[in-house]
Amino acid sequence: MKARPRIRDTVKRLDAALAMVRQDRWQVSGLRAGRLVILAEGSGTAAQLEPAQRRVQELTPLARRALYERRAVTISTIHTTPAGGVEDWELDWPTILYAPVNDPGFRPVGLLIIGVRTPFWYEGEDLNYITAIAGSLTAFVTAATDPLRPLSRPERMVAYLLGEGLSSPEIARALRIDRAEAQQAVGNVLRKLKVRSAGQVSELLEDRRAGGPQLTIASGD
């Protein structure tokens, strides 16, 4: 499946924006079921979207800290990593920065990860700039990790009704369509979501609700 032009434009603009700060590699990932789904990444002069079969990776302790504290977190060591031959840049490179992707006051929906091959210490101005870039990616990451993204608007309505436990005849009555059309719509939803039952659709919807942005209200204490 080819990426939509506007998504490619977003990645292209992101790569240009990150060229303004010291970095040798960047990665944008969305949160899904407690893990990171890699959506796009850049290295040197090349930026790319991940293919349809996206890679999934576990959260590192520093990534968890950035998500928990909802702020950019960076670590730098004094060793230098030579070009080439690095199996895991996120763990092996001397400088890594994690910036949560979220709107102010909302739970993060993903991470912007930046790496440098040599020791580098990001200062306040750079951190503020990267934090702003990460925040601007919220809509992109939210849309890209939406499990209902393959569905059209009418099919989403069918998915919601399936998730509530309605049968095909009940969906037909709710949407005022005939049973054959409802059965076809249900089949299309299951096929596009790559699931076999209404129960699995319900699980996807629950995961979608759990993974979506949630407003945090500070206590008055």
Foldseek 3Di string as FASTA:
>chain_A
DDDDPVLVVLQVVLVVLCVVDDFQKKWKWFDFPQWTWTAKMDGDPDIDGADPPTDIGHADPQQVVCQVVQFKDKAADQDAADPDDDPDQCPPARIKIWHFAAAPQKRGGIIMMTGHRHGDDDDDVRRVSVNVSSPVCNVVNLQVPQLCNQDDPVLVVLLVCLLVPDDLVRVCVVVVHDSVVSVVSVVVSCVSSVHDGSPVSNVSVVSSVVSDMDGDDDDPD
